[in-house]
Amino acid sequence: MFNRKPNQTDSDDNGTSVDNEYMNDSVNQDQEDLETVTEQQVRSVLPEMTKPSVISEGFEFTGDVNFQGTLNVDGTLSGSINVQNLMIGSSGKVNGSIKANTIQVRGSFTGDATCQDLTIGGQANVNAKINYSSLTIQRGAMIQGELIKS
């Protein structure tokens, strides 16, 4: 099949004539369709595929964080945070302002936040004003401040 001339025809298993040039044109068209995918279309898929970013235990960061993905905090983070998902681990400490779709607090959070889904774990220590749509609190959590359903 690889040593054939472009206009050569074969017959398939049923004895039907098959035009190799037509098949090559079809493959070339599929390749052109793939090449026309724009960079914007690729970027619109990438945030869903990105791995979570991590602030590890023992690491301290002060500043603003803007990220369209998941941020896991096991160290200390102070500042303004704008992420899709924030997960504060049991050793994590966050002090500042948060805007996220989901926030899970297992460690310590002081400040203010706005989110859709808020989960506060049993070992969490929260001293904050938080606007949320959905709330889950596990037994044992320490909470001071305001939790406001929006």
N, C-alpha and C. Protein backbone atom coordinates (compact mmCIF):
# COMPACT_ATOMS: atom_id res chain seq x y z
N MET A 1 0.81 -1.19 0.00
CA MET A 1 0.00 0.00 0.00
C MET A 1 0.86 1.26 0.00
N PHE A 2 2.05 1.21 0.59
CA PHE A 2 2.89 2.39 0.66
C PHE A 2 3.59 2.70 -0.65
N ASN A 3 3.76 1.72 -1.54
CA ASN A 3 4.48 1.92 -2.78
C ASN A 3 3.55 2.11 -3.96
N ARG A 4 2.36 2.59 -3.75
CA ARG A 4 1.38 2.74 -4.82
C ARG A 4 1.41 4.14 -5.39
N LYS A 5 0.95 4.25 -6.60
CA LYS A 5 0.84 5.55 -7.26
C LYS A 5 -0.40 6.27 -6.75
N PRO A 6 -0.41 7.61 -6.73
CA PRO A 6 -1.50 8.38 -6.14
C PRO A 6 -2.89 8.07 -6.66
N ASN A 7 -3.08 7.79 -7.93
CA ASN A 7 -4.41 7.57 -8.48
C ASN A 7 -4.79 6.11 -8.57
N GLN A 8 -3.99 5.26 -7.99
CA GLN A 8 -4.24 3.83 -8.06
C GLN A 8 -5.46 3.46 -7.21
N THR A 9 -6.24 2.49 -7.69
CA THR A 9 -7.41 2.05 -6.94
C THR A 9 -7.19 0.63 -6.45
N ASP A 10 -7.81 0.31 -5.33
CA ASP A 10 -7.77 -1.03 -4.74
C ASP A 10 -9.19 -1.51 -4.63
N SER A 11 -9.34 -2.73 -4.24
CA SER A 11 -10.68 -3.19 -3.91
C SER A 11 -10.67 -3.61 -2.46
N ASP A 12 -11.76 -3.29 -1.77
CA ASP A 12 -11.86 -3.65 -0.36
C ASP A 12 -12.30 -5.10 -0.23
N ASP A 13 -12.60 -5.54 0.98
CA ASP A 13 -12.98 -6.93 1.24
C ASP A 13 -14.24 -7.35 0.47
N ASN A 14 -15.09 -6.41 0.12
CA ASN A 14 -16.33 -6.73 -0.59
C ASN A 14 -16.18 -6.66 -2.11
N GLY A 15 -14.96 -6.37 -2.59
CA GLY A 15 -14.74 -6.25 -4.03
C GLY A 15 -15.08 -4.88 -4.57
N THR A 16 -15.38 -3.91 -3.70
CA THR A 16 -15.73 -2.57 -4.12
C THR A 16 -14.45 -1.78 -4.38
N SER A 17 -14.45 -0.99 -5.43
CA SER A 17 -13.29 -0.19 -5.78
C SER A 17 -13.09 0.93 -4.77
N VAL A 18 -11.83 1.13 -4.34
CA VAL A 18 -11.50 2.17 -3.36
C VAL A 18 -10.49 3.10 -3.99
N ASP A 19 -10.74 4.39 -3.95
CA ASP A 19 -9.86 5.39 -4.54
C ASP A 19 -8.91 5.90 -3.47
N ASN A 20 -7.62 5.59 -3.61
CA ASN A 20 -6.62 6.00 -2.62
C ASN A 20 -6.47 7.51 -2.54
N GLU A 21 -6.60 8.20 -3.67
CA GLU A 21 -6.45 9.65 -3.66
C GLU A 21 -7.55 10.29 -2.82
N TYR A 22 -8.79 9.76 -2.91
CA TYR A 22 -9.88 10.28 -2.10
C TYR A 22 -9.58 10.08 -0.61
N MET A 23 -9.05 8.93 -0.28
CA MET A 23 -8.71 8.64 1.12
C MET A 23 -7.64 9.60 1.61
N ASN A 24 -6.63 9.87 0.78
CA ASN A 24 -5.56 10.80 1.17
C ASN A 24 -6.12 12.21 1.36
N ASP A 25 -7.03 12.65 0.47
CA ASP A 25 -7.64 13.97 0.60
C ASP A 25 -8.41 14.07 1.91
N SER A 26 -9.10 13.02 2.27
CA SER A 26 -9.88 13.01 3.51
C SER A 26 -8.97 13.14 4.72
N VAL A 27 -7.86 12.42 4.71
CA VAL A 27 -6.89 12.51 5.82
C VAL A 27 -6.29 13.90 5.88
N ASN A 28 -5.92 14.48 4.72
CA ASN A 28 -5.36 15.83 4.68
C ASN A 28 -6.35 16.86 5.21
N GLN A 29 -7.64 16.71 4.88
CA GLN A 29 -8.66 17.65 5.37
C GLN A 29 -8.77 17.57 6.89
N ASP A 30 -8.73 16.36 7.44
CA ASP A 30 -8.79 16.19 8.90
C ASP A 30 -7.61 16.87 9.57
N GLN A 31 -6.41 16.77 8.96
CA GLN A 31 -5.23 17.42 9.52
C GLN A 31 -5.38 18.94 9.48
N GLU A 32 -5.93 19.48 8.39
CA GLU A 32 -6.15 20.92 8.28
C GLU A 32 -7.16 21.39 9.33
N ASP A 33 -8.20 20.59 9.58
CA ASP A 33 -9.19 20.94 10.59
C ASP A 33 -8.55 21.03 11.96
N LEU A 34 -7.64 20.11 12.26
CA LEU A 34 -6.95 20.14 13.55
C LEU A 34 -6.05 21.36 13.67
N GLU A 35 -5.43 21.77 12.56
CA GLU A 35 -4.52 22.91 12.59
C GLU A 35 -5.27 24.24 12.75
N THR A 36 -6.57 24.27 12.47
CA THR A 36 -7.31 25.52 12.56
C THR A 36 -7.83 25.78 13.97
N VAL A 37 -7.53 24.90 14.92
CA VAL A 37 -7.90 25.15 16.32
C VAL A 37 -7.11 26.36 16.79
N THR A 38 -7.80 27.34 17.31
CA THR A 38 -7.14 28.58 17.69
C THR A 38 -6.48 28.45 19.06
N GLU A 39 -5.53 29.32 19.30
CA GLU A 39 -4.84 29.35 20.60
C GLU A 39 -5.82 29.65 21.72
N GLN A 40 -6.81 30.49 21.46
CA GLN A 40 -7.82 30.82 22.47
C GLN A 40 -8.63 29.58 22.85
N GLN A 41 -8.96 28.73 21.88
CA GLN A 41 -9.68 27.50 22.18
C GLN A 41 -8.84 26.58 23.05
N VAL A 42 -7.56 26.51 22.78
CA VAL A 42 -6.67 25.68 23.59
C VAL A 42 -6.58 26.23 25.00
N ARG A 43 -6.44 27.54 25.15
CA ARG A 43 -6.35 28.15 26.47
C ARG A 43 -7.63 27.97 27.27
N SER A 44 -8.79 27.93 26.59
CA SER A 44 -10.05 27.76 27.30
C SER A 44 -10.15 26.38 27.93
N VAL A 45 -9.42 25.41 27.41
CA VAL A 45 -9.44 24.06 27.95
C VAL A 45 -8.37 23.89 29.03
N LEU A 46 -7.26 24.59 28.93
CA LEU A 46 -6.13 24.40 29.82
C LEU A 46 -6.43 24.60 31.30
N PRO A 47 -7.20 25.62 31.72
CA PRO A 47 -7.42 25.76 33.15
C PRO A 47 -8.01 24.52 33.80
N GLU A 48 -8.84 23.78 33.07
CA GLU A 48 -9.43 22.57 33.62
C GLU A 48 -8.39 21.47 33.77
N MET A 49 -7.32 21.55 33.00
CA MET A 49 -6.33 20.49 33.00
C MET A 49 -5.11 20.83 33.85
N THR A 50 -4.99 22.05 34.34
CA THR A 50 -3.80 22.41 35.09
C THR A 50 -3.75 21.70 36.42
N LYS A 51 -2.55 21.39 36.83
CA LYS A 51 -2.35 20.75 38.12
C LYS A 51 -2.49 21.81 39.20
N PRO A 52 -2.86 21.40 40.43
CA PRO A 52 -2.98 22.39 41.49
C PRO A 52 -1.63 22.98 41.86
N SER A 53 -1.64 24.24 42.24
CA SER A 53 -0.45 24.88 42.77
C SER A 53 -0.43 24.66 44.26
N VAL A 54 0.77 24.56 44.83
CA VAL A 54 0.91 24.22 46.24
C VAL A 54 1.85 25.19 46.94
N ILE A 55 1.39 25.68 48.09
CA ILE A 55 2.27 26.40 49.00
C ILE A 55 2.52 25.42 50.14
N SER A 56 3.72 24.85 50.13
CA SER A 56 4.05 23.74 51.02
C SER A 56 4.25 24.17 52.46
N GLU A 57 4.15 23.21 53.35
CA GLU A 57 4.38 23.43 54.77
C GLU A 57 5.79 24.00 54.96
N GLY A 58 5.91 25.04 55.77
CA GLY A 58 7.19 25.69 56.01
C GLY A 58 7.46 26.86 55.07
N PHE A 59 6.65 27.01 54.03
CA PHE A 59 6.82 28.09 53.06
C PHE A 59 5.89 29.24 53.44
N GLU A 60 6.42 30.47 53.45
CA GLU A 60 5.62 31.65 53.76
C GLU A 60 5.62 32.57 52.55
N PHE A 61 4.42 33.04 52.18
CA PHE A 61 4.27 33.93 51.03
C PHE A 61 3.40 35.11 51.41
N THR A 62 3.85 36.33 51.05
CA THR A 62 3.06 37.53 51.26
C THR A 62 2.90 38.22 49.91
N GLY A 63 1.64 38.48 49.51
CA GLY A 63 1.39 39.13 48.24
C GLY A 63 0.05 38.72 47.67
N ASP A 64 -0.18 39.10 46.42
CA ASP A 64 -1.44 38.81 45.74
C ASP A 64 -1.30 37.56 44.87
N VAL A 65 -2.34 36.72 44.90
CA VAL A 65 -2.35 35.51 44.09
C VAL A 65 -3.59 35.53 43.20
N ASN A 66 -3.39 35.43 41.89
CA ASN A 66 -4.46 35.32 40.91
C ASN A 66 -4.20 34.07 40.10
N PHE A 67 -5.15 33.12 40.13
CA PHE A 67 -4.91 31.84 39.48
C PHE A 67 -6.25 31.21 39.11
N GLN A 68 -6.38 30.73 37.87
CA GLN A 68 -7.61 30.07 37.44
C GLN A 68 -7.46 28.56 37.58
N GLY A 69 -7.30 28.11 38.79
CA GLY A 69 -7.16 26.70 39.07
C GLY A 69 -7.30 26.48 40.56
N THR A 70 -6.69 25.40 41.05
CA THR A 70 -6.76 25.05 42.47
C THR A 70 -5.46 25.41 43.16
N LEU A 71 -5.59 26.05 44.32
CA LEU A 71 -4.43 26.39 45.14
C LEU A 71 -4.55 25.65 46.46
N ASN A 72 -3.54 24.84 46.77
CA ASN A 72 -3.47 24.14 48.05
C ASN A 72 -2.48 24.87 48.94
N VAL A 73 -2.93 25.27 50.14
CA VAL A 73 -2.05 25.99 51.06
C VAL A 73 -1.82 25.13 52.29
N ASP A 74 -0.58 24.68 52.45
CA ASP A 74 -0.17 23.96 53.65
C ASP A 74 0.84 24.78 54.44
N GLY A 75 1.31 25.88 53.86
CA GLY A 75 2.21 26.80 54.53
C GLY A 75 1.44 28.02 54.99
N THR A 76 2.07 29.21 54.89
CA THR A 76 1.45 30.46 55.32
C THR A 76 1.33 31.40 54.14
N LEU A 77 0.13 31.96 53.96
CA LEU A 77 -0.15 32.87 52.85
C LEU A 77 -0.87 34.08 53.38
N SER A 78 -0.31 35.27 53.11
CA SER A 78 -0.94 36.53 53.52
C SER A 78 -1.11 37.41 52.29
N GLY A 79 -2.34 37.93 52.10
CA GLY A 79 -2.58 38.82 50.97
C GLY A 79 -3.93 38.61 50.36
N SER A 80 -4.06 39.08 49.13
CA SER A 80 -5.31 38.98 48.38
C SER A 80 -5.23 37.75 47.47
N ILE A 81 -6.26 36.90 47.54
CA ILE A 81 -6.25 35.65 46.80
C ILE A 81 -7.48 35.59 45.91
N ASN A 82 -7.27 35.37 44.61
CA ASN A 82 -8.35 35.22 43.66
C ASN A 82 -8.07 33.95 42.87
N VAL A 83 -8.76 32.85 43.23
CA VAL A 83 -8.53 31.55 42.61
C VAL A 83 -9.87 30.87 42.33
N GLN A 84 -9.83 29.79 41.57
CA GLN A 84 -11.05 29.03 41.33
C GLN A 84 -11.38 28.19 42.56
N ASN A 85 -10.40 27.46 43.08
CA ASN A 85 -10.59 26.61 44.26
C ASN A 85 -9.45 26.84 45.23
N LEU A 86 -9.78 27.02 46.50
CA LEU A 86 -8.76 27.19 47.54
C LEU A 86 -8.95 26.10 48.58
N MET A 87 -7.86 25.39 48.85
CA MET A 87 -7.88 24.35 49.86
C MET A 87 -6.81 24.68 50.90
N ILE A 88 -7.25 25.02 52.11
CA ILE A 88 -6.31 25.32 53.19
C ILE A 88 -6.16 24.04 54.00
N GLY A 89 -4.98 23.44 53.92
CA GLY A 89 -4.71 22.19 54.61
C GLY A 89 -4.64 22.36 56.11
N SER A 90 -4.53 21.25 56.83
CA SER A 90 -4.54 21.28 58.29
C SER A 90 -3.37 22.06 58.86
N SER A 91 -2.25 22.15 58.15
CA SER A 91 -1.12 22.95 58.62
C SER A 91 -1.10 24.33 57.96
N GLY A 92 -2.08 24.63 57.10
CA GLY A 92 -2.11 25.88 56.36
C GLY A 92 -2.68 27.03 57.16
N LYS A 93 -2.14 28.23 56.89
CA LYS A 93 -2.62 29.46 57.52
C LYS A 93 -2.76 30.51 56.43
N VAL A 94 -3.97 31.08 56.34
CA VAL A 94 -4.24 32.13 55.36
C VAL A 94 -4.77 33.34 56.09
N ASN A 95 -4.17 34.51 55.79
CA ASN A 95 -4.59 35.77 56.38
C ASN A 95 -4.78 36.75 55.23
N GLY A 96 -6.04 37.15 54.98
CA GLY A 96 -6.25 38.10 53.91
C GLY A 96 -7.65 38.02 53.34
N SER A 97 -7.75 38.42 52.07
CA SER A 97 -9.02 38.49 51.37
C SER A 97 -9.05 37.42 50.28
N ILE A 98 -10.14 36.64 50.27
CA ILE A 98 -10.25 35.53 49.31
C ILE A 98 -11.48 35.71 48.45
N LYS A 99 -11.31 35.45 47.15
CA LYS A 99 -12.43 35.32 46.23
C LYS A 99 -12.21 34.02 45.47
N ALA A 100 -13.17 33.06 45.62
CA ALA A 100 -13.02 31.75 45.00
C ALA A 100 -14.39 31.12 44.76
N ASN A 101 -14.44 30.14 43.90
CA ASN A 101 -15.67 29.38 43.72
C ASN A 101 -15.88 28.46 44.92
N THR A 102 -14.84 27.72 45.29
CA THR A 102 -14.92 26.84 46.44
C THR A 102 -13.77 27.10 47.40
N ILE A 103 -14.08 27.05 48.69
CA ILE A 103 -13.07 27.19 49.73
C ILE A 103 -13.25 26.04 50.70
N GLN A 104 -12.16 25.32 50.96
CA GLN A 104 -12.15 24.29 51.97
C GLN A 104 -11.11 24.68 53.01
N VAL A 105 -11.56 24.78 54.27
CA VAL A 105 -10.65 25.19 55.34
C VAL A 105 -10.49 24.03 56.32
N ARG A 106 -9.28 23.55 56.44
CA ARG A 106 -8.96 22.55 57.45
C ARG A 106 -7.98 23.11 58.47
N GLY A 107 -7.33 24.20 58.11
CA GLY A 107 -6.36 24.85 58.98
C GLY A 107 -6.91 26.14 59.54
N SER A 108 -6.17 27.24 59.33
CA SER A 108 -6.51 28.52 59.90
C SER A 108 -6.77 29.57 58.81
N PHE A 109 -7.86 30.32 58.98
CA PHE A 109 -8.17 31.41 58.05
C PHE A 109 -8.63 32.62 58.83
N THR A 110 -7.99 33.77 58.57
CA THR A 110 -8.36 35.04 59.17
C THR A 110 -8.51 36.05 58.04
N GLY A 111 -9.65 36.76 58.00
CA GLY A 111 -9.85 37.77 56.97
C GLY A 111 -11.28 37.81 56.49
N ASP A 112 -11.44 38.00 55.18
CA ASP A 112 -12.79 38.00 54.59
C ASP A 112 -12.75 37.22 53.29
N ALA A 113 -13.92 36.67 52.91
CA ALA A 113 -13.97 35.83 51.71
C ALA A 113 -15.35 35.88 51.08
N THR A 114 -15.36 35.61 49.78
CA THR A 114 -16.58 35.44 49.01
C THR A 114 -16.41 34.17 48.19
N CYS A 115 -17.42 33.27 48.29
CA CYS A 115 -17.34 32.01 47.56
C CYS A 115 -18.73 31.44 47.31
N GLN A 116 -18.78 30.44 46.47
CA GLN A 116 -20.02 29.71 46.23
C GLN A 116 -20.17 28.61 47.28
N ASP A 117 -19.17 27.74 47.37
CA ASP A 117 -19.20 26.59 48.28
C ASP A 117 -18.13 26.73 49.34
N LEU A 118 -18.55 26.66 50.60
CA LEU A 118 -17.63 26.78 51.73
C LEU A 118 -17.72 25.51 52.57
N THR A 119 -16.56 24.90 52.83
CA THR A 119 -16.48 23.74 53.70
C THR A 119 -15.47 24.04 54.79
N ILE A 120 -15.92 23.90 56.04
CA ILE A 120 -15.04 24.14 57.19
C ILE A 120 -14.87 22.82 57.92
N GLY A 121 -13.64 22.34 57.98
CA GLY A 121 -13.33 21.06 58.59
C GLY A 121 -13.33 21.10 60.11
N GLY A 122 -13.30 19.92 60.71
CA GLY A 122 -13.39 19.78 62.16
C GLY A 122 -12.22 20.36 62.93
N GLN A 123 -11.05 20.49 62.34
CA GLN A 123 -9.88 21.05 63.00
C GLN A 123 -9.64 22.52 62.63
N ALA A 124 -10.53 23.10 61.85
CA ALA A 124 -10.35 24.45 61.33
C ALA A 124 -10.53 25.51 62.41
N ASN A 125 -9.82 26.62 62.22
CA ASN A 125 -9.94 27.79 63.08
C ASN A 125 -10.18 28.99 62.15
N VAL A 126 -11.41 29.51 62.16
CA VAL A 126 -11.81 30.57 61.24
C VAL A 126 -12.21 31.81 62.03
N ASN A 127 -11.59 32.94 61.68
CA ASN A 127 -11.94 34.23 62.26
C ASN A 127 -12.12 35.17 61.07
N ALA A 128 -13.34 35.18 60.50
CA ALA A 128 -13.52 35.86 59.22
C ALA A 128 -14.97 36.26 58.98
N LYS A 129 -15.12 37.11 57.97
CA LYS A 129 -16.43 37.46 57.43
C LYS A 129 -16.49 36.79 56.06
N ILE A 130 -17.43 35.82 55.90
CA ILE A 130 -17.48 35.05 54.67
C ILE A 130 -18.88 35.08 54.07
N ASN A 131 -18.96 35.47 52.81
CA ASN A 131 -20.20 35.39 52.02
C ASN A 131 -20.15 34.10 51.23
N TYR A 132 -21.22 33.29 51.30
CA TYR A 132 -21.23 31.98 50.66
C TYR A 132 -22.62 31.67 50.11
N SER A 133 -22.72 30.65 49.27
CA SER A 133 -24.02 30.15 48.80
C SER A 133 -24.34 28.81 49.43
N SER A 134 -23.33 27.96 49.59
CA SER A 134 -23.51 26.63 50.17
C SER A 134 -22.48 26.45 51.28
N LEU A 135 -22.93 25.89 52.43
CA LEU A 135 -22.06 25.80 53.60
C LEU A 135 -22.08 24.40 54.20
N THR A 136 -20.89 23.89 54.54
CA THR A 136 -20.75 22.64 55.27
C THR A 136 -19.76 22.88 56.40
N ILE A 137 -20.18 22.57 57.64
CA ILE A 137 -19.31 22.72 58.80
C ILE A 137 -19.25 21.39 59.52
N GLN A 138 -18.04 20.92 59.76
CA GLN A 138 -17.86 19.68 60.51
C GLN A 138 -17.75 19.99 62.00
N ARG A 139 -18.18 19.04 62.80
CA ARG A 139 -18.15 19.17 64.25
C ARG A 139 -16.71 19.39 64.73
N GLY A 140 -16.55 20.35 65.65
CA GLY A 140 -15.24 20.65 66.22
C GLY A 140 -14.60 21.90 65.67
N ALA A 141 -15.14 22.45 64.60
CA ALA A 141 -14.56 23.66 64.00
C ALA A 141 -14.73 24.86 64.92
N MET A 142 -13.73 25.71 64.97
CA MET A 142 -13.77 26.94 65.77
C MET A 142 -14.03 28.11 64.80
N ILE A 143 -15.17 28.79 65.00
CA ILE A 143 -15.56 29.86 64.07
C ILE A 143 -15.91 31.12 64.85
N GLN A 144 -15.28 32.23 64.45
CA GLN A 144 -15.62 33.56 64.96
C GLN A 144 -15.81 34.45 63.75
N GLY A 145 -16.70 35.44 63.87
CA GLY A 145 -16.92 36.34 62.75
C GLY A 145 -18.32 36.19 62.21
N GLU A 146 -18.46 36.39 60.90
CA GLU A 146 -19.77 36.34 60.27
C GLU A 146 -19.77 35.38 59.09
N LEU A 147 -20.81 34.57 59.02
CA LEU A 147 -21.04 33.72 57.85
C LEU A 147 -22.35 34.21 57.26
N ILE A 148 -22.30 34.75 56.05
CA ILE A 148 -23.45 35.40 55.43
C ILE A 148 -23.84 34.64 54.17
N LYS A 149 -25.07 34.10 54.16
CA LYS A 149 -25.58 33.40 52.98
C LYS A 149 -26.05 34.42 51.95
N SER A 150 -25.53 34.27 50.73
CA SER A 150 -25.91 35.22 49.67
C SER A 150 -26.66 34.53 48.57
